[in-house]
Protein backbone atom coordinates (compact mmCIF):
# COMPACT_ATOMS: atom_id res chain seq x y z
CA UNK A 1 0.00 0.00 0.00
CA UNK A 2 1.46 3.39 -1.00
CA UNK A 3 1.82 6.17 1.53
CA UNK A 4 -0.97 8.40 0.21
CA UNK A 5 -3.34 5.45 0.07
CA UNK A 6 -2.30 4.67 3.65
CA UNK A 7 -3.55 8.02 4.93
CA UNK A 8 -6.66 7.83 2.72
CA UNK A 9 -7.22 4.42 4.31
CA UNK A 10 -6.74 5.96 7.77
CA UNK A 11 -9.32 8.60 6.91
CA UNK A 12 -11.90 6.18 5.53
CA UNK A 13 -11.46 3.85 8.52
CA UNK A 14 -11.92 6.81 10.83
CA UNK A 15 -15.09 7.95 9.08
CA UNK A 16 -16.50 4.41 9.13
CA UNK A 17 -15.52 4.15 12.79
CA UNK A 18 -13.55 0.94 12.29
CA UNK A 19 -10.50 0.14 14.37
CA UNK A 20 -8.74 -2.80 12.71
CA UNK A 21 -6.37 -4.68 14.98
CA UNK A 22 -3.86 -5.43 12.24
CA UNK A 23 -3.59 -2.22 10.27
CA UNK A 24 -1.81 -2.63 6.96
CA UNK A 25 1.60 -1.02 7.25
CA UNK A 26 2.41 1.77 4.84
CA UNK A 27 5.99 0.73 4.17
CA UNK A 28 7.04 -2.58 2.62
CA UNK A 29 8.98 -5.12 4.68
CA UNK A 30 11.86 -4.85 2.22
CA UNK A 31 12.39 -1.11 2.83
CA UNK A 32 15.93 0.08 3.53
CA UNK A 33 15.79 2.74 6.24
CA UNK A 34 18.17 5.69 5.95
CA UNK A 35 19.25 8.64 8.07
CA UNK A 36 17.25 11.63 6.73
CA UNK A 37 19.11 14.53 5.16
CA UNK A 38 18.37 18.00 3.82
CA UNK A 39 17.35 18.17 0.15
CA UNK A 40 16.01 21.73 -0.20
CA UNK A 41 19.07 23.95 -0.51
CA UNK A 42 17.76 26.80 -2.68
CA UNK A 43 14.45 28.49 -3.38
CA UNK A 44 14.20 26.75 -6.77
CA UNK A 45 14.09 23.38 -4.93
CA UNK A 46 10.72 24.24 -3.36
CA UNK A 47 8.83 22.76 -6.32
CA UNK A 48 10.56 19.44 -5.64
CA UNK A 49 9.28 19.56 -2.03
CA UNK A 50 5.69 20.40 -3.02
CA UNK A 51 5.65 17.51 -5.54
CA UNK A 52 7.31 15.07 -3.13
CA UNK A 53 5.85 11.99 -1.47
CA UNK A 54 6.89 13.57 1.86
CA UNK A 55 4.67 16.62 1.27
CA UNK A 56 1.69 14.44 0.31
CA UNK A 57 2.24 12.18 3.34
CA UNK A 58 2.76 15.05 5.77
CA UNK A 59 -0.34 16.97 4.66
CA UNK A 60 -2.33 13.74 4.52
CA UNK A 61 -1.38 13.06 8.13
CA UNK A 62 -2.24 16.60 9.34
CA UNK A 63 -5.60 16.57 7.52
CA UNK A 64 -6.54 13.07 8.67
CA UNK A 65 -6.01 14.11 12.29
CA UNK A 66 -7.91 17.35 11.58
CA UNK A 67 -10.89 15.28 10.40
CA UNK A 68 -10.59 12.95 13.39
CA UNK A 69 -10.80 15.61 16.11
CA UNK A 70 -13.74 17.56 14.63
CA UNK A 71 -16.34 18.29 17.28
CA UNK A 72 -14.46 16.40 20.03
CA UNK A 73 -13.27 17.72 23.40
CA UNK A 74 -9.81 17.11 24.90
CA UNK A 75 -11.65 15.53 27.83
CA UNK A 76 -13.65 13.03 25.76
CA UNK A 77 -12.97 9.28 26.09
CA UNK A 78 -10.57 7.57 23.68
CA UNK A 79 -8.25 4.60 23.55
CA UNK A 80 -4.71 5.00 24.92
CA UNK A 81 -2.48 2.31 23.42
CA UNK A 82 0.83 1.00 24.69
CA UNK A 83 2.74 3.05 22.08
CA UNK A 84 0.91 6.21 23.19
CA UNK A 85 1.85 5.43 26.82
CA UNK A 86 5.49 5.03 25.73
CA UNK A 87 5.37 8.38 23.91
CA UNK A 88 3.99 10.04 27.04
CA UNK A 89 6.82 8.46 29.06
CA UNK A 90 9.31 9.85 26.53
CA UNK A 91 7.84 13.34 26.88
CA UNK A 92 7.90 12.98 30.69
CA UNK A 93 11.61 12.16 30.39
CA UNK A 94 12.23 15.33 28.35
CA UNK A 95 10.29 17.31 30.96
CA UNK A 96 12.33 15.78 33.80
CA UNK A 97 15.59 16.69 32.03
CA UNK A 98 14.47 20.36 32.03
CA UNK A 99 14.15 20.17 35.84
CA UNK A 100 17.61 18.58 36.03
CA UNK A 101 19.14 21.29 33.77
CA UNK A 102 18.38 24.68 35.36
CA UNK A 103 19.14 27.92 33.48
CA UNK A 104 22.65 29.30 33.98
CA UNK A 105 23.53 32.87 34.98
CA UNK A 106 24.50 34.80 31.87
CA UNK A 107 24.48 38.43 30.71
CA UNK A 108 22.00 37.84 27.86
CA UNK A 109 18.34 37.69 28.88
CA UNK A 110 17.33 35.44 25.98
CA UNK A 111 18.65 32.10 24.76
CA UNK A 112 19.90 30.55 27.99
CA UNK A 113 22.91 28.36 27.20
CA UNK A 114 21.76 25.61 29.58
CA UNK A 115 19.39 24.65 26.74
CA UNK A 116 22.43 23.29 24.86
CA UNK A 117 23.14 20.83 27.68
CA UNK A 118 19.51 19.73 27.65
CA UNK A 119 19.57 19.34 23.85
CA UNK A 120 22.88 17.38 23.94
CA UNK A 121 21.24 14.88 26.30
CA UNK A 122 18.45 14.30 23.77
CA UNK A 123 20.97 13.93 20.92
CA UNK A 124 22.68 11.23 22.94
CA UNK A 125 19.54 9.34 23.99
CA UNK A 126 17.09 9.86 21.08
CA UNK A 127 17.80 6.61 19.21
CA UNK A 128 17.34 4.45 22.30
CA UNK A 129 14.16 6.34 23.25
CA UNK A 130 12.70 5.76 19.78
CA UNK A 131 13.80 2.12 19.54
CA UNK A 132 11.83 1.39 22.73
CA UNK A 133 8.54 2.19 21.00
CA UNK A 134 9.03 0.41 17.68
CA UNK A 135 7.68 -3.03 16.77
CA UNK A 136 10.46 -5.66 17.03
CA UNK A 137 10.68 -6.05 13.23
CA UNK A 138 11.01 -2.27 12.75
CA UNK A 139 13.90 -1.50 15.13
CA UNK A 140 16.13 -0.70 12.15
CA UNK A 141 13.96 2.43 11.63
CA UNK A 142 15.14 3.97 14.94
CA UNK A 143 18.07 6.02 13.55
CA UNK A 144 15.82 7.44 10.80
CA UNK A 145 12.85 8.30 13.03
CA UNK A 146 15.05 9.65 15.86
CA UNK A 147 16.27 12.46 13.57
CA UNK A 148 12.77 13.97 13.54
CA UNK A 149 12.54 13.79 17.33
CA UNK A 150 15.89 15.60 17.69
CA UNK A 151 14.75 18.27 15.20
CA UNK A 152 11.44 18.76 17.03
CA UNK A 153 12.71 20.58 20.12
CA UNK A 154 14.43 23.66 18.70
CA UNK A 155 17.88 24.65 17.47
CA UNK A 156 20.81 24.37 19.90
CA UNK A 157 23.02 26.84 18.01
CA UNK A 158 20.49 29.66 17.86
CA UNK A 159 18.49 28.54 20.93
CA UNK A 160 15.27 29.14 19.06
CA UNK A 161 12.06 27.27 18.30
CA UNK A 162 9.41 27.68 15.61
CA UNK A 163 6.91 26.04 13.29
CA UNK A 164 9.63 24.08 11.47
CA UNK A 165 10.48 22.31 14.74
CA UNK A 166 6.80 21.71 15.39
CA UNK A 167 6.55 20.19 11.88
CA UNK A 168 9.44 17.85 12.73
CA UNK A 169 7.42 16.49 15.67
CA UNK A 170 4.39 15.91 13.41
CA UNK A 171 6.78 14.19 10.96
CA UNK A 172 8.08 12.03 13.84
CA UNK A 173 4.51 10.93 14.65
CA UNK A 174 3.76 10.40 10.96
CA UNK A 175 6.79 8.06 10.70
CA UNK A 176 5.61 6.10 13.75
CA UNK A 177 2.29 5.59 11.93
CA UNK A 178 4.03 4.47 8.76
CA UNK A 179 6.01 1.75 10.55
CA UNK A 180 2.88 0.54 12.34
CA UNK A 181 3.81 1.67 15.87
CA UNK A 182 0.78 3.99 15.91
CA UNK A 183 -2.53 2.83 14.43
CA UNK A 184 -5.86 4.11 13.14
CA UNK A 185 -7.53 4.00 16.54
CA UNK A 186 -4.71 6.08 18.10
CA UNK A 187 -5.79 9.23 16.26
CA UNK A 188 -7.50 11.07 19.12
CA UNK A 189 -4.73 10.10 21.54
CA UNK A 190 -2.09 11.35 19.05
CA UNK A 191 -3.57 14.86 19.14
CA UNK A 192 -5.17 15.06 22.59
CA UNK A 193 -2.54 13.18 24.62
CA UNK A 194 0.76 13.07 22.72
CA UNK A 195 0.72 16.37 20.84
CA UNK A 196 -0.79 18.21 23.80
CA UNK A 197 1.92 16.83 26.11
CA UNK A 198 4.56 17.83 23.54
CA UNK A 199 3.12 21.37 23.58
CA UNK A 200 3.40 21.49 27.37
CA UNK A 201 7.08 20.44 27.21
CA UNK A 202 7.83 22.96 24.44
CA UNK A 203 6.18 25.77 26.44
CA UNK A 204 8.28 24.80 29.44
CA UNK A 205 11.45 24.84 27.28
CA UNK A 206 10.50 28.25 25.83
CA UNK A 207 9.88 29.72 29.29
CA UNK A 208 12.80 28.06 31.13
CA UNK A 209 15.50 28.84 28.57
CA UNK A 210 13.92 32.03 27.14
CA UNK A 211 14.08 30.60 23.62
CA UNK A 212 13.76 32.99 20.69
CA UNK A 213 10.96 32.45 18.15
CA UNK A 214 12.52 31.01 14.96
CA UNK A 215 11.71 33.14 11.92
CA UNK A 216 8.92 34.92 13.78
CA UNK A 217 6.88 37.45 11.83
CA UNK A 218 6.21 39.22 15.10
CA UNK A 219 2.78 40.77 15.34
CA UNK A 220 2.00 39.67 11.74
CA UNK A 221 2.48 35.97 12.42
CA UNK A 222 -0.24 33.74 13.82
CA UNK A 223 1.82 32.82 16.90
CA UNK A 224 5.49 33.10 17.87
CA UNK A 225 6.02 29.36 18.19
CA UNK A 226 3.12 27.08 17.14
CA UNK A 227 0.63 26.56 14.32
CA UNK A 228 -0.79 23.01 14.34
CA UNK A 229 -2.71 23.34 17.64
CA UNK A 230 -4.65 26.24 16.12
CA UNK A 231 -5.62 24.05 13.14
CA UNK A 232 -6.60 21.00 15.18
CA UNK A 233 -8.03 23.21 17.93
CA UNK A 234 -10.34 25.03 15.50
CA UNK A 235 -11.46 21.63 14.12
CA UNK A 236 -12.51 20.62 17.63
CA UNK A 237 -14.82 23.63 17.75
CA UNK A 238 -16.53 23.04 14.38
CA UNK A 239 -20.34 23.12 14.90
CA UNK A 240 -20.02 23.92 18.61
CA UNK A 241 -23.51 24.89 19.83
CA UNK A 242 -22.48 28.03 21.73
CA UNK A 243 -18.80 28.94 21.27
CA UNK A 244 -18.09 31.13 18.24
CA UNK A 245 -14.73 32.49 17.01
CA UNK A 246 -15.49 35.92 18.55
CA UNK A 247 -15.62 34.33 22.01
CA UNK A 248 -11.89 33.57 22.24
CA UNK A 249 -11.24 37.28 22.85
CA UNK A 250 -13.16 36.95 26.13
CA UNK A 251 -10.74 35.80 28.85
CA UNK A 252 -13.58 34.49 30.99
CA UNK A 253 -14.72 32.16 28.20
CA UNK A 254 -11.13 31.08 27.52
CA UNK A 255 -10.49 30.21 31.18
CA UNK A 256 -13.78 28.35 31.44
CA UNK A 257 -13.27 26.15 28.36
CA UNK A 258 -9.50 25.87 27.81
CA UNK A 259 -9.31 22.41 29.41
CA UNK A 260 -11.62 21.11 26.63
CA UNK A 261 -10.25 22.90 23.57
CA UNK A 262 -6.69 23.15 22.30
CA UNK A 263 -7.33 26.46 20.50
CA UNK A 264 -8.44 28.13 23.73
CA UNK A 265 -5.50 26.59 25.60
CA UNK A 266 -3.19 28.33 23.08
CA UNK A 267 -5.00 31.64 23.60
CA UNK A 268 -4.65 31.25 27.37
CA UNK A 269 -0.88 30.76 26.97
CA UNK A 270 -0.64 33.90 24.79
CA UNK A 271 -2.64 35.88 27.37
CA UNK A 272 -0.21 34.75 30.09
CA UNK A 273 2.93 35.54 28.07
CA UNK A 274 2.00 38.85 26.41
CA UNK A 275 0.83 42.19 27.71
CA UNK A 276 -1.16 44.98 26.08
CA UNK A 277 -4.20 44.88 23.78
CA UNK A 278 -4.73 41.50 22.05
CA UNK A 279 -5.27 43.26 18.68
CA UNK A 280 -1.76 44.72 18.93
CA UNK A 281 0.32 41.72 20.07
CA UNK A 282 -1.64 39.03 18.13
CA UNK A 283 -3.13 40.83 15.16
CA UNK A 284 -3.66 37.77 12.92
CA UNK A 285 -5.55 35.93 15.65
CA UNK A 286 -7.57 39.02 16.43
CA UNK A 287 -8.59 39.15 12.74
CA UNK A 288 -9.63 35.48 12.91
CA UNK A 289 -12.06 36.30 15.73
CA UNK A 290 -14.20 38.13 13.15
CA UNK A 291 -14.65 34.99 10.97
CA UNK A 292 -18.28 33.81 11.30
CA UNK A 293 -17.75 30.06 11.83
CA UNK A 294 -15.14 27.62 13.14
CA UNK A 295 -15.43 25.65 9.92
CA UNK A 296 -14.26 28.72 7.95
CA UNK A 297 -11.52 29.38 10.54
CA UNK A 298 -10.31 25.78 10.16
CA UNK A 299 -10.25 25.91 6.35
CA UNK A 300 -8.51 29.30 6.40
CA UNK A 301 -5.85 28.13 8.85
CA UNK A 302 -5.05 25.07 6.69
CA UNK A 303 -4.54 27.38 3.67
CA UNK A 304 -2.45 29.74 5.80
CA UNK A 305 -0.34 26.86 7.14
CA UNK A 306 0.53 25.74 3.63
CA UNK A 307 1.33 29.29 2.48
CA UNK A 308 3.12 30.62 5.59
CA UNK A 309 4.94 27.49 6.80
CA UNK A 310 5.11 24.64 4.30
CA UNK A 311 5.73 26.83 1.27
CA UNK A 312 8.32 29.09 2.91
CA UNK A 313 11.94 28.32 2.04
CA UNK A 314 13.37 29.51 5.41
CA UNK A 315 11.23 26.84 7.13
CA UNK A 316 11.54 23.95 4.65
CA UNK A 317 15.29 24.29 3.99
CA UNK A 318 15.79 22.57 7.37
CA UNK A 319 13.38 19.67 6.71
CA UNK A 320 15.05 16.27 6.32
CA UNK A 321 14.05 13.46 3.97
CA UNK A 322 14.64 9.73 4.29
CA UNK A 323 12.90 6.50 3.23
CA UNK A 324 9.72 7.16 5.27
CA UNK A 325 9.30 10.80 4.21
CA UNK A 326 10.76 10.75 0.74
CA UNK A 327 11.83 13.59 -1.56
CA UNK A 328 10.83 11.38 -4.51
CA UNK A 329 7.82 12.67 -6.50
CA UNK A 330 4.49 11.59 -5.04
CA UNK A 331 2.18 9.19 -6.82
CA UNK A 332 -0.39 11.12 -8.80
């Protein structure tokens, strides 16, 4: 089964509500895993990325999860598999390492150099952490998949974090699906448990080590650090009986409902981190509050994500391609 068909299959299984025990794996048994490397070195390479199997797989994964969380609360009931538990343990480990690596005293207020020690620890341990969650016959994929985990936590040279790093974590999860470690019936847990826990660790990293936003557009960007939780979070709110986009400007509403909705959780974090009028520090989000429905917000954010993140050379030049997320042209 080809990769695109795999995610189509995920989507159709989700819509039918089936949860097959033995999900067909997207990659053949004969595959030769490889350590991913950069392939987009100049602006003219961007066409190669947009035509690639990796782009089709990545967007297929994001959109399948988007479909899966529509109308569902973070607090709803869903299956938590053994692999999901292992991923949560991994994220707990990353969180514990932050506690064990306090910020150092330094003249510069931003970019605390203790982050580099934390990051070096992950570099050292990533392969073993990933190997622990792979099926026995897929252990050879660990060096390939671990690259995406290492890329997902920020840049140790610049001590910054942005949507390219967030994309690496989604790519990491996508690869775990392709080797059969995560399955169709893990979809809600992938977003509500794993991705939400990842967000909590990233926010802690950003606050503890005063990380700079990577390639931030400042007031004209959607958010300094994240994008995907706004997409999936707006999907959760599609057809909500009472909450409309205009309501997220009301702090009372945000505080009351943030434990149920990822979008509102993101707004709460912005409210805690930024001062002054919302329209000034988060102009793009403020504009979104005027959109009449969550369905339109969701569709608009997907278009914006493609245009502002996935089709921007400064973001994609850092993306790495291997056997699971391939630079080869996608099947048409």
